[in-house]
Amino acid sequence: MKLYLGNLPYSATEEDLKTLLAEYGELEEVVVIKDKFSGRSKGFGFATLVSEEMARKAIEELNGKDMDGRNIVVNESKPMESRPRRDFGGNRGGFGGRRDDNRRSY
């Protein structure tokens, strides 16, 4: 079962999450989501536990638990919803509008 871990301290690493979840069974994957430019944690991550029963126990025991001064959120991960494409107006340059609109009439 895949878990969402949110409100993590920005200093949290994948090793920290592995340590936190170790008592709940075998982990398939642990990922801390990072900003692609700075490399800094975005404050959330995901972990996949082999046992669904132990994953549910981890949710019960860890949700709201203090981690470096932050009450973390732990729940079952839901599939990412498809979001509409972000359209920035289609005009890729300049100031927008028609050229005719910028002409002065004397």
PDB file of N, CA and C in Angstrom:
ATOM      1  N   MET A   1       0.843  -1.173   0.000  1.00  0.00           N
ATOM      2  CA  MET A   1       0.000   0.000   0.000  1.00  0.00           C
ATOM      3  C   MET A   1       0.892   1.242   0.000  1.00  0.00           C
ATOM      4  N   LYS A   2       0.504   2.224  -0.809  1.00  0.00           N
ATOM      5  CA  LYS A   2       1.288   3.450  -0.913  1.00  0.00           C
ATOM      6  C   LYS A   2       0.740   4.498   0.055  1.00  0.00           C
ATOM      7  N   LEU A   3       1.638   5.105   0.818  1.00  0.00           N
ATOM      8  CA  LEU A   3       1.267   6.128   1.784  1.00  0.00           C
ATOM      9  C   LEU A   3       1.735   7.496   1.329  1.00  0.00           C
ATOM     10  N   TYR A   4       0.935   8.504   1.647  1.00  0.00           N
ATOM     11  CA  TYR A   4       1.319   9.899   1.468  1.00  0.00           C
ATOM     12  C   TYR A   4       1.796  10.407   2.823  1.00  0.00           C
ATOM     13  N   LEU A   5       2.932  11.073   2.852  1.00  0.00           N
ATOM     14  CA  LEU A   5       3.443  11.669   4.084  1.00  0.00           C
ATOM     15  C   LEU A   5       3.600  13.165   3.829  1.00  0.00           C
ATOM     16  N   GLY A   6       2.834  13.961   4.537  1.00  0.00           N
ATOM     17  CA  GLY A   6       2.837  15.399   4.312  1.00  0.00           C
ATOM     18  C   GLY A   6       3.196  16.178   5.551  1.00  0.00           C
ATOM     19  N   ASN A   7       3.369  17.481   5.364  1.00  0.00           N
ATOM     20  CA  ASN A   7       3.781  18.408   6.418  1.00  0.00           C
ATOM     21  C   ASN A   7       5.094  17.971   7.055  1.00  0.00           C
ATOM     22  N   LEU A   8       5.957  17.402   6.222  1.00  0.00           N
ATOM     23  CA  LEU A   8       7.266  16.963   6.704  1.00  0.00           C
ATOM     24  C   LEU A   8       8.184  18.171   6.892  1.00  0.00           C
ATOM     25  N   PRO A   9       9.124  18.071   7.812  1.00  0.00           N
ATOM     26  CA  PRO A   9      10.131  19.126   7.895  1.00  0.00           C
ATOM     27  C   PRO A   9      10.901  19.173   6.578  1.00  0.00           C
ATOM     28  N   TYR A  10      11.298  20.371   6.159  1.00  0.00           N
ATOM     29  CA  TYR A  10      12.018  20.486   4.888  1.00  0.00           C
ATOM     30  C   TYR A  10      13.377  19.803   4.938  1.00  0.00           C
ATOM     31  N   SER A  11      13.823  19.497   6.140  1.00  0.00           N
ATOM     32  CA  SER A  11      15.105  18.807   6.298  1.00  0.00           C
ATOM     33  C   SER A  11      14.968  17.287   6.195  1.00  0.00           C
ATOM     34  N   ALA A  12      13.730  16.781   6.121  1.00  0.00           N
ATOM     35  CA  ALA A  12      13.498  15.328   6.091  1.00  0.00           C
ATOM     36  C   ALA A  12      14.085  14.703   4.834  1.00  0.00           C
ATOM     37  N   THR A  13      14.738  13.552   5.033  1.00  0.00           N
ATOM     38  CA  THR A  13      15.341  12.817   3.927  1.00  0.00           C
ATOM     39  C   THR A  13      14.635  11.472   3.770  1.00  0.00           C
ATOM     40  N   GLU A  14      14.966  10.789   2.707  1.00  0.00           N
ATOM     41  CA  GLU A  14      14.410   9.455   2.502  1.00  0.00           C
ATOM     42  C   GLU A  14      14.864   8.511   3.609  1.00  0.00           C
ATOM     43  N   GLU A  15      16.088   8.686   4.077  1.00  0.00           N
ATOM     44  CA  GLU A  15      16.584   7.860   5.194  1.00  0.00           C
ATOM     45  C   GLU A  15      15.767   8.105   6.463  1.00  0.00           C
ATOM     46  N   ASP A  16      15.380   9.360   6.707  1.00  0.00           N
ATOM     47  CA  ASP A  16      14.541   9.674   7.871  1.00  0.00           C
ATOM     48  C   ASP A  16      13.206   8.954   7.785  1.00  0.00           C
ATOM     49  N   LEU A  17      12.616   8.935   6.596  1.00  0.00           N
ATOM     50  CA  LEU A  17      11.330   8.253   6.431  1.00  0.00           C
ATOM     51  C   LEU A  17      11.475   6.744   6.561  1.00  0.00           C
ATOM     52  N   LYS A  18      12.575   6.204   6.060  1.00  0.00           N
ATOM     53  CA  LYS A  18      12.822   4.763   6.215  1.00  0.00           C
ATOM     54  C   LYS A  18      12.927   4.398   7.687  1.00  0.00           C
ATOM     55  N   THR A  19      13.622   5.235   8.464  1.00  0.00           N
ATOM     56  CA  THR A  19      13.758   4.996   9.898  1.00  0.00           C
ATOM     57  C   THR A  19      12.402   5.083  10.587  1.00  0.00           C
ATOM     58  N   LEU A  20      11.622   6.098  10.217  1.00  0.00           N
ATOM     59  CA  LEU A  20      10.295   6.311  10.806  1.00  0.00           C
ATOM     60  C   LEU A  20       9.367   5.125  10.547  1.00  0.00           C
ATOM     61  N   LEU A  21       9.440   4.551   9.362  1.00  0.00           N
ATOM     62  CA  LEU A  21       8.524   3.488   8.952  1.00  0.00           C
ATOM     63  C   LEU A  21       9.062   2.077   9.143  1.00  0.00           C
ATOM     64  N   ALA A  22      10.297   1.936   9.583  1.00  0.00           N
ATOM     65  CA  ALA A  22      10.950   0.627   9.674  1.00  0.00           C
ATOM     66  C   ALA A  22      10.170  -0.382  10.515  1.00  0.00           C
ATOM     67  N   GLU A  23       9.566   0.075  11.593  1.00  0.00           N
ATOM     68  CA  GLU A  23       8.865  -0.865  12.478  1.00  0.00           C
ATOM     69  C   GLU A  23       7.535  -1.353  11.896  1.00  0.00           C
ATOM     70  N   TYR A  24       7.122  -0.792  10.767  1.00  0.00           N
ATOM     71  CA  TYR A  24       5.845  -1.174  10.166  1.00  0.00           C
ATOM     72  C   TYR A  24       5.988  -2.166   9.021  1.00  0.00           C
ATOM     73  N   GLY A  25       7.172  -2.678   8.838  1.00  0.00           N
ATOM     74  CA  GLY A  25       7.346  -3.719   7.844  1.00  0.00           C
ATOM     75  C   GLY A  25       8.257  -3.321   6.703  1.00  0.00           C
ATOM     76  N   GLU A  26       8.321  -4.233   5.747  1.00  0.00           N
ATOM     77  CA  GLU A  26       9.218  -4.060   4.605  1.00  0.00           C
ATOM     78  C   GLU A  26       8.731  -2.916   3.706  1.00  0.00           C
ATOM     79  N   LEU A  27       9.674  -2.096   3.322  1.00  0.00           N
ATOM     80  CA  LEU A  27       9.376  -0.967   2.438  1.00  0.00           C
ATOM     81  C   LEU A  27       9.805  -1.289   1.017  1.00  0.00           C
ATOM     82  N   GLU A  28       8.921  -1.043   0.065  1.00  0.00           N
ATOM     83  CA  GLU A  28       9.286  -1.230  -1.339  1.00  0.00           C
ATOM     84  C   GLU A  28       9.972   0.015  -1.883  1.00  0.00           C
ATOM     85  N   GLU A  29       9.451   1.182  -1.482  1.00  0.00           N
ATOM     86  CA  GLU A  29       9.959   2.436  -2.037  1.00  0.00           C
ATOM     87  C   GLU A  29       9.692   3.577  -1.070  1.00  0.00           C
ATOM     88  N   VAL A  30      10.623   4.507  -0.991  1.00  0.00           N
ATOM     89  CA  VAL A  30      10.461   5.730  -0.196  1.00  0.00           C
ATOM     90  C   VAL A  30      10.998   6.882  -1.032  1.00  0.00           C
ATOM     91  N   VAL A  31      10.167   7.928  -1.169  1.00  0.00           N
ATOM     92  CA  VAL A  31      10.559   9.074  -1.982  1.00  0.00           C
ATOM     93  C   VAL A  31      10.167  10.362  -1.265  1.00  0.00           C
ATOM     94  N   VAL A  32      11.108  11.285  -1.157  1.00  0.00           N
ATOM     95  CA  VAL A  32      10.818  12.640  -0.691  1.00  0.00           C
ATOM     96  C   VAL A  32      10.789  13.504  -1.945  1.00  0.00           C
ATOM     97  N   ILE A  33       9.707  14.236  -2.135  1.00  0.00           N
ATOM     98  CA  ILE A  33       9.563  15.065  -3.330  1.00  0.00           C
ATOM     99  C   ILE A  33      10.378  16.342  -3.144  1.00  0.00           C
ATOM    100  N   LYS A  34      11.207  16.627  -4.148  1.00  0.00           N
ATOM    101  CA  LYS A  34      12.119  17.774  -4.061  1.00  0.00           C
ATOM    102  C   LYS A  34      11.866  18.757  -5.184  1.00  0.00           C
ATOM    103  N   ASP A  35      12.164  20.017  -4.910  1.00  0.00           N
ATOM    104  CA  ASP A  35      12.084  21.059  -5.926  1.00  0.00           C
ATOM    105  C   ASP A  35      13.140  20.785  -6.986  1.00  0.00           C
ATOM    106  N   LYS A  36      12.746  20.841  -8.252  1.00  0.00           N
ATOM    107  CA  LYS A  36      13.686  20.468  -9.310  1.00  0.00           C
ATOM    108  C   LYS A  36      14.793  21.488  -9.510  1.00  0.00           C
ATOM    109  N   PHE A  37      14.604  22.718  -9.051  1.00  0.00           N
ATOM    110  CA  PHE A  37      15.637  23.733  -9.226  1.00  0.00           C
ATOM    111  C   PHE A  37      16.581  23.816  -8.033  1.00  0.00           C
ATOM    112  N   SER A  38      16.011  23.831  -6.818  1.00  0.00           N
ATOM    113  CA  SER A  38      16.850  23.998  -5.627  1.00  0.00           C
ATOM    114  C   SER A  38      17.290  22.666  -5.027  1.00  0.00           C
ATOM    115  N   GLY A  39      16.556  21.580  -5.310  1.00  0.00           N
ATOM    116  CA  GLY A  39      16.868  20.287  -4.716  1.00  0.00           C
ATOM    117  C   GLY A  39      16.357  20.159  -3.290  1.00  0.00           C
ATOM    118  N   ARG A  40      15.697  21.195  -2.790  1.00  0.00           N
ATOM    119  CA  ARG A  40      15.170  21.208  -1.416  1.00  0.00           C
ATOM    120  C   ARG A  40      13.846  20.443  -1.362  1.00  0.00           C
ATOM    121  N   SER A  41      13.613  19.772  -0.250  1.00  0.00           N
ATOM    122  CA  SER A  41      12.369  19.030  -0.060  1.00  0.00           C
ATOM    123  C   SER A  41      11.176  19.977  -0.162  1.00  0.00           C
ATOM    124  N   LYS A  42      10.088  19.473  -0.733  1.00  0.00           N
ATOM    125  CA  LYS A  42       8.854  20.251  -0.806  1.00  0.00           C
ATOM    126  C   LYS A  42       7.967  20.002   0.414  1.00  0.00           C
ATOM    127  N   GLY A  43       8.422  19.156   1.337  1.00  0.00           N
ATOM    128  CA  GLY A  43       7.664  18.927   2.564  1.00  0.00           C
ATOM    129  C   GLY A  43       6.687  17.766   2.491  1.00  0.00           C
ATOM    130  N   PHE A  44       6.810  16.935   1.450  1.00  0.00           N
ATOM    131  CA  PHE A  44       5.963  15.746   1.396  1.00  0.00           C
ATOM    132  C   PHE A  44       6.682  14.641   0.646  1.00  0.00           C
ATOM    133  N   GLY A  45       6.158  13.433   0.819  1.00  0.00           N
ATOM    134  CA  GLY A  45       6.759  12.295   0.154  1.00  0.00           C
ATOM    135  C   GLY A  45       5.802  11.115   0.130  1.00  0.00           C
ATOM    136  N   PHE A  46       6.306   9.988  -0.364  1.00  0.00           N
ATOM    137  CA  PHE A  46       5.500   8.781  -0.492  1.00  0.00           C
ATOM    138  C   PHE A  46       6.326   7.584  -0.045  1.00  0.00           C
ATOM    139  N   ALA A  47       5.638   6.598   0.494  1.00  0.00           N
ATOM    140  CA  ALA A  47       6.293   5.354   0.885  1.00  0.00           C
ATOM    141  C   ALA A  47       5.349   4.204   0.558  1.00  0.00           C
ATOM    142  N   THR A  48       5.907   3.129   0.059  1.00  0.00           N
ATOM    143  CA  THR A  48       5.107   1.949  -0.252  1.00  0.00           C
ATOM    144  C   THR A  48       5.533   0.821   0.674  1.00  0.00           C
ATOM    145  N   LEU A  49       4.568   0.342   1.456  1.00  0.00           N
ATOM    146  CA  LEU A  49       4.809  -0.788   2.346  1.00  0.00           C
ATOM    147  C   LEU A  49       4.256  -2.053   1.714  1.00  0.00           C
ATOM    148  N   VAL A  50       4.929  -3.165   1.938  1.00  0.00           N
ATOM    149  CA  VAL A  50       4.515  -4.444   1.369  1.00  0.00           C
ATOM    150  C   VAL A  50       3.191  -4.898   1.978  1.00  0.00           C
ATOM    151  N   SER A  51       3.046  -4.754   3.288  1.00  0.00           N
ATOM    152  CA  SER A  51       1.862  -5.232   3.991  1.00  0.00           C
ATOM    153  C   SER A  51       0.818  -4.120   4.137  1.00  0.00           C
ATOM    154  N   GLU A  52      -0.374  -4.361   3.602  1.00  0.00           N
ATOM    155  CA  GLU A  52      -1.462  -3.382   3.732  1.00  0.00           C
ATOM    156  C   GLU A  52      -1.862  -3.213   5.193  1.00  0.00           C
ATOM    157  N   GLU A  53      -1.857  -4.312   5.937  1.00  0.00           N
ATOM    158  CA  GLU A  53      -2.219  -4.266   7.359  1.00  0.00           C
ATOM    159  C   GLU A  53      -1.255  -3.371   8.141  1.00  0.00           C
ATOM    160  N   MET A  54       0.027  -3.516   7.880  1.00  0.00           N
ATOM    161  CA  MET A  54       1.017  -2.694   8.580  1.00  0.00           C
ATOM    162  C   MET A  54       0.957  -1.236   8.109  1.00  0.00           C
ATOM    163  N   ALA A  55       0.618  -1.029   6.855  1.00  0.00           N
ATOM    164  CA  ALA A  55       0.467   0.337   6.345  1.00  0.00           C
ATOM    165  C   ALA A  55      -0.677   1.036   7.069  1.00  0.00           C
ATOM    166  N   ARG A  56      -1.776   0.323   7.290  1.00  0.00           N
ATOM    167  CA  ARG A  56      -2.911   0.905   8.014  1.00  0.00           C
ATOM    168  C   ARG A  56      -2.526   1.214   9.461  1.00  0.00           C
ATOM    169  N   LYS A  57      -1.713   0.343  10.053  1.00  0.00           N
ATOM    170  CA  LYS A  57      -1.237   0.588  11.418  1.00  0.00           C
ATOM    171  C   LYS A  57      -0.344   1.831  11.444  1.00  0.00           C
ATOM    172  N   ALA A  58       0.504   1.998  10.438  1.00  0.00           N
ATOM    173  CA  ALA A  58       1.371   3.180  10.351  1.00  0.00           C
ATOM    174  C   ALA A  58       0.532   4.451  10.242  1.00  0.00           C
ATOM    175  N   ILE A  59      -0.542   4.409   9.463  1.00  0.00           N
ATOM    176  CA  ILE A  59      -1.430   5.570   9.335  1.00  0.00           C
ATOM    177  C   ILE A  59      -2.016   5.926  10.694  1.00  0.00           C
ATOM    178  N   GLU A  60      -2.540   4.914  11.391  1.00  0.00           N
ATOM    179  CA  GLU A  60      -3.155   5.133  12.711  1.00  0.00           C
ATOM    180  C   GLU A  60      -2.167   5.736  13.705  1.00  0.00           C
ATOM    181  N   GLU A  61      -0.954   5.200  13.738  1.00  0.00           N
ATOM    182  CA  GLU A  61       0.008   5.593  14.765  1.00  0.00           C
ATOM    183  C   GLU A  61       0.823   6.845  14.411  1.00  0.00           C
ATOM    184  N   LEU A  62       1.033   7.106  13.133  1.00  0.00           N
ATOM    185  CA  LEU A  62       1.920   8.212  12.761  1.00  0.00           C
ATOM    186  C   LEU A  62       1.199   9.492  12.351  1.00  0.00           C
ATOM    187  N   ASN A  63      -0.049   9.391  11.920  1.00  0.00           N
ATOM    188  CA  ASN A  63      -0.763  10.592  11.503  1.00  0.00           C
ATOM    189  C   ASN A  63      -0.910  11.544  12.694  1.00  0.00           C
ATOM    190  N   GLY A  64      -0.391  12.759  12.539  1.00  0.00           N
ATOM    191  CA  GLY A  64      -0.430  13.757  13.611  1.00  0.00           C
ATOM    192  C   GLY A  64       0.769  13.718  14.537  1.00  0.00           C
ATOM    193  N   LYS A  65       1.667  12.740  14.346  1.00  0.00           N
ATOM    194  CA  LYS A  65       2.846  12.613  15.193  1.00  0.00           C
ATOM    195  C   LYS A  65       3.827  13.761  14.924  1.00  0.00           C
ATOM    196  N   ASP A  66       4.512  14.203  15.969  1.00  0.00           N
ATOM    197  CA  ASP A  66       5.498  15.275  15.849  1.00  0.00           C
ATOM    198  C   ASP A  66       6.784  14.749  15.214  1.00  0.00           C
ATOM    199  N   MET A  67       7.262  15.483  14.225  1.00  0.00           N
ATOM    200  CA  MET A  67       8.547  15.178  13.598  1.00  0.00           C
ATOM    201  C   MET A  67       9.280  16.511  13.453  1.00  0.00           C
ATOM    202  N   ASP A  68      10.277  16.724  14.277  1.00  0.00           N
ATOM    203  CA  ASP A  68      11.054  17.966  14.258  1.00  0.00           C
ATOM    204  C   ASP A  68      10.166  19.205  14.337  1.00  0.00           C
ATOM    205  N   GLY A  69       9.186  19.158  15.243  1.00  0.00           N
ATOM    206  CA  GLY A  69       8.333  20.320  15.472  1.00  0.00           C
ATOM    207  C   GLY A  69       7.150  20.458  14.528  1.00  0.00           C
ATOM    208  N   ARG A  70       6.937  19.488  13.665  1.00  0.00           N
ATOM    209  CA  ARG A  70       5.795  19.542  12.737  1.00  0.00           C
ATOM    210  C   ARG A  70       4.932  18.309  12.924  1.00  0.00           C
ATOM    211  N   ASN A  71       3.621  18.493  12.945  1.00  0.00           N
ATOM    212  CA  ASN A  71       2.691  17.367  13.035  1.00  0.00           C
ATOM    213  C   ASN A  71       2.491  16.814  11.624  1.00  0.00           C
ATOM    214  N   ILE A  72       3.080  15.657  11.384  1.00  0.00           N
ATOM    215  CA  ILE A  72       3.044  15.100  10.029  1.00  0.00           C
ATOM    216  C   ILE A  72       1.663  14.521   9.710  1.00  0.00           C
ATOM    217  N   VAL A  73       1.375  14.462   8.429  1.00  0.00           N
ATOM    218  CA  VAL A  73       0.136  13.879   7.918  1.00  0.00           C
ATOM    219  C   VAL A  73       0.517  12.570   7.237  1.00  0.00           C
ATOM    220  N   VAL A  74      -0.161  11.498   7.631  1.00  0.00           N
ATOM    221  CA  VAL A  74       0.084  10.194   7.009  1.00  0.00           C
ATOM    222  C   VAL A  74      -1.266   9.603   6.646  1.00  0.00           C
ATOM    223  N   ASN A  75      -1.453   9.344   5.359  1.00  0.00           N
ATOM    224  CA  ASN A  75      -2.676   8.676   4.924  1.00  0.00           C
ATOM    225  C   ASN A  75      -2.424   7.896   3.646  1.00  0.00           C
ATOM    226  N   GLU A  76      -3.442   7.178   3.213  1.00  0.00           N
ATOM    227  CA  GLU A  76      -3.294   6.387   2.001  1.00  0.00           C
ATOM    228  C   GLU A  76      -3.174   7.326   0.807  1.00  0.00           C
ATOM    229  N   SER A  77      -2.219   7.036  -0.042  1.00  0.00           N
ATOM    230  CA  SER A  77      -2.010   7.855  -1.232  1.00  0.00           C
ATOM    231  C   SER A  77      -3.121   7.594  -2.228  1.00  0.00           C
ATOM    232  N   LYS A  78      -3.601   8.654  -2.819  1.00  0.00           N
ATOM    233  CA  LYS A  78      -4.628   8.532  -3.846  1.00  0.00           C
ATOM    234  C   LYS A  78      -3.991   8.819  -5.195  1.00  0.00           C
ATOM    235  N   PRO A  79      -4.518   8.229  -6.263  1.00  0.00           N
ATOM    236  CA  PRO A  79      -3.940   8.496  -7.586  1.00  0.00           C
ATOM    237  C   PRO A  79      -4.018   9.981  -7.921  1.00  0.00           C
ATOM    238  N   MET A  80      -3.011  10.467  -8.620  1.00  0.00           N
ATOM    239  CA  MET A  80      -2.986  11.863  -8.994  1.00  0.00           C
ATOM    240  C   MET A  80      -4.099  12.154  -9.994  1.00  0.00           C
ATOM    241  N   GLU A  81      -4.866  13.210  -9.720  1.00  0.00           N
ATOM    242  CA  GLU A  81      -5.943  13.591 -10.619  1.00  0.00           C
ATOM    243  C   GLU A  81      -5.349  14.276 -11.837  1.00  0.00           C
ATOM    244  N   SER A  82      -5.965  14.035 -12.984  1.00  0.00           N
ATOM    245  CA  SER A  82      -5.483  14.733 -14.164  1.00  0.00           C
ATOM    246  C   SER A  82      -5.950  16.179 -14.077  1.00  0.00           C
ATOM    247  N   ARG A  83      -5.031  17.073 -14.353  1.00  0.00           N
ATOM    248  CA  ARG A  83      -5.346  18.491 -14.287  1.00  0.00           C
ATOM    249  C   ARG A  83      -5.372  19.040 -15.700  1.00  0.00           C
ATOM    250  N   PRO A  84      -6.219  20.062 -15.918  1.00  0.00           N
ATOM    251  CA  PRO A  84      -6.253  20.640 -17.255  1.00  0.00           C
ATOM    252  C   PRO A  84      -4.922  21.298 -17.599  1.00  0.00           C
ATOM    253  N   ARG A  85      -4.633  21.284 -18.867  1.00  0.00           N
ATOM    254  CA  ARG A  85      -3.397  21.902 -19.338  1.00  0.00           C
ATOM    255  C   ARG A  85      -3.426  23.390 -19.046  1.00  0.00           C
ATOM    256  N   ARG A  86      -2.324  23.914 -18.559  1.00  0.00           N
ATOM    257  CA  ARG A  86      -2.238  25.343 -18.253  1.00  0.00           C
ATOM    258  C   ARG A  86      -1.928  26.101 -19.537  1.00  0.00           C
ATOM    259  N   ASP A  87      -2.829  26.978 -19.911  1.00  0.00           N
ATOM    260  CA  ASP A  87      -2.656  27.752 -21.126  1.00  0.00           C
ATOM    261  C   ASP A  87      -2.317  29.180 -20.742  1.00  0.00           C
ATOM    262  N   PHE A  88      -1.217  29.662 -21.239  1.00  0.00           N
ATOM    263  CA  PHE A  88      -0.775  31.005 -20.910  1.00  0.00           C
ATOM    264  C   PHE A  88      -1.126  31.986 -22.021  1.00  0.00           C
ATOM    265  N   GLY A  89      -2.260  31.779 -22.661  1.00  0.00           N
ATOM    266  CA  GLY A  89      -2.748  32.725 -23.640  1.00  0.00           C
ATOM    267  C   GLY A  89      -2.345  32.429 -25.063  1.00  0.00           C
ATOM    268  N   GLY A  90      -1.485  31.481 -25.292  1.00  0.00           N
ATOM    269  CA  GLY A  90      -1.111  31.127 -26.642  1.00  0.00           C
ATOM    270  C   GLY A  90      -0.117  32.067 -27.290  1.00  0.00           C
ATOM    271  N   ASN A  91      -0.039  33.295 -26.861  1.00  0.00           N
ATOM    272  CA  ASN A  91       0.915  34.247 -27.419  1.00  0.00           C
ATOM    273  C   ASN A  91       2.230  34.084 -26.678  1.00  0.00           C
ATOM    274  N   ARG A  92       3.227  33.627 -27.354  1.00  0.00           N
ATOM    275  CA  ARG A  92       4.487  33.263 -26.695  1.00  0.00           C
ATOM    276  C   ARG A  92       5.500  34.396 -26.605  1.00  0.00           C
ATOM    277  N   GLY A  93       5.164  35.560 -27.036  1.00  0.00           N
ATOM    278  CA  GLY A  93       6.170  36.610 -26.957  1.00  0.00           C
ATOM    279  C   GLY A  93       5.544  37.970 -27.084  1.00  0.00           C
ATOM    280  N   GLY A  94       6.337  38.977 -26.939  1.00  0.00           N
ATOM    281  CA  GLY A  94       5.851  40.334 -27.103  1.00  0.00           C
ATOM    282  C   GLY A  94       4.911  40.740 -26.001  1.00  0.00           C
ATOM    283  N   PHE A  95       4.081  41.702 -26.334  1.00  0.00           N
ATOM    284  CA  PHE A  95       3.180  42.266 -25.330  1.00  0.00           C
ATOM    285  C   PHE A  95       1.750  41.807 -25.515  1.00  0.00           C
ATOM    286  N   GLY A  96       1.496  40.983 -26.489  1.00  0.00           N
ATOM    287  CA  GLY A  96       0.156  40.485 -26.715  1.00  0.00           C
ATOM    288  C   GLY A  96      -0.658  41.467 -27.538  1.00  0.00           C
ATOM    289  N   GLY A  97      -1.849  41.065 -27.870  1.00  0.00           N
ATOM    290  CA  GLY A  97      -2.716  41.946 -28.642  1.00  0.00           C
ATOM    291  C   GLY A  97      -2.327  41.982 -30.106  1.00  0.00           C
ATOM    292  N   ARG A  98      -3.116  42.697 -30.887  1.00  0.00           N
ATOM    293  CA  ARG A  98      -2.834  42.834 -32.306  1.00  0.00           C
ATOM    294  C   ARG A  98      -1.920  44.015 -32.543  1.00  0.00           C
ATOM    295  N   ARG A  99      -1.150  43.940 -33.569  1.00  0.00           N
ATOM    296  CA  ARG A  99      -0.253  45.052 -33.885  1.00  0.00           C
ATOM    297  C   ARG A  99      -1.046  46.320 -34.175  1.00  0.00           C
ATOM    298  N   ASP A 100      -2.186  46.178 -34.829  1.00  0.00           N
ATOM    299  CA  ASP A 100      -3.011  47.337 -35.188  1.00  0.00           C
ATOM    300  C   ASP A 100      -3.424  48.135 -33.964  1.00  0.00           C
ATOM    301  N   ASP A 101      -3.612  47.450 -32.838  1.00  0.00           N
ATOM    302  CA  ASP A 101      -4.098  48.108 -31.624  1.00  0.00           C
ATOM    303  C   ASP A 101      -3.076  49.068 -31.038  1.00  0.00           C
ATOM    304  N   ASN A 102      -1.821  48.886 -31.387  1.00  0.00           N
ATOM    305  CA  ASN A 102      -0.774  49.717 -30.799  1.00  0.00           C
ATOM    306  C   ASN A 102      -0.448  50.953 -31.646  1.00  0.00           C
ATOM    307  N   ARG A 103      -1.069  51.078 -32.792  1.00  0.00           N
ATOM    308  CA  ARG A 103      -0.780  52.216 -33.669  1.00  0.00           C
ATOM    309  C   ARG A 103      -1.573  53.428 -33.256  1.00  0.00           C
ATOM    310  N   ARG A 104      -0.935  54.529 -33.351  1.00  0.00           N
ATOM    311  CA  ARG A 104      -1.623  55.780 -33.031  1.00  0.00           C
ATOM    312  C   ARG A 104      -2.205  56.359 -34.308  1.00  0.00           C
ATOM    313  N   SER A 105      -3.324  57.007 -34.177  1.00  0.00           N
ATOM    314  CA  SER A 105      -3.851  57.729 -35.321  1.00  0.00           C
ATOM    315  C   SER A 105      -3.617  59.215 -35.081  1.00  0.00           C
ATOM    316  N   TYR A 106      -3.078  59.883 -36.060  1.00  0.00           N
ATOM    317  CA  TYR A 106      -2.753  61.311 -35.913  1.00  0.00           C
ATOM    318  C   TYR A 106      -3.746  62.154 -36.640  1.00  0.00           C
TER     319      TYR A 106
END
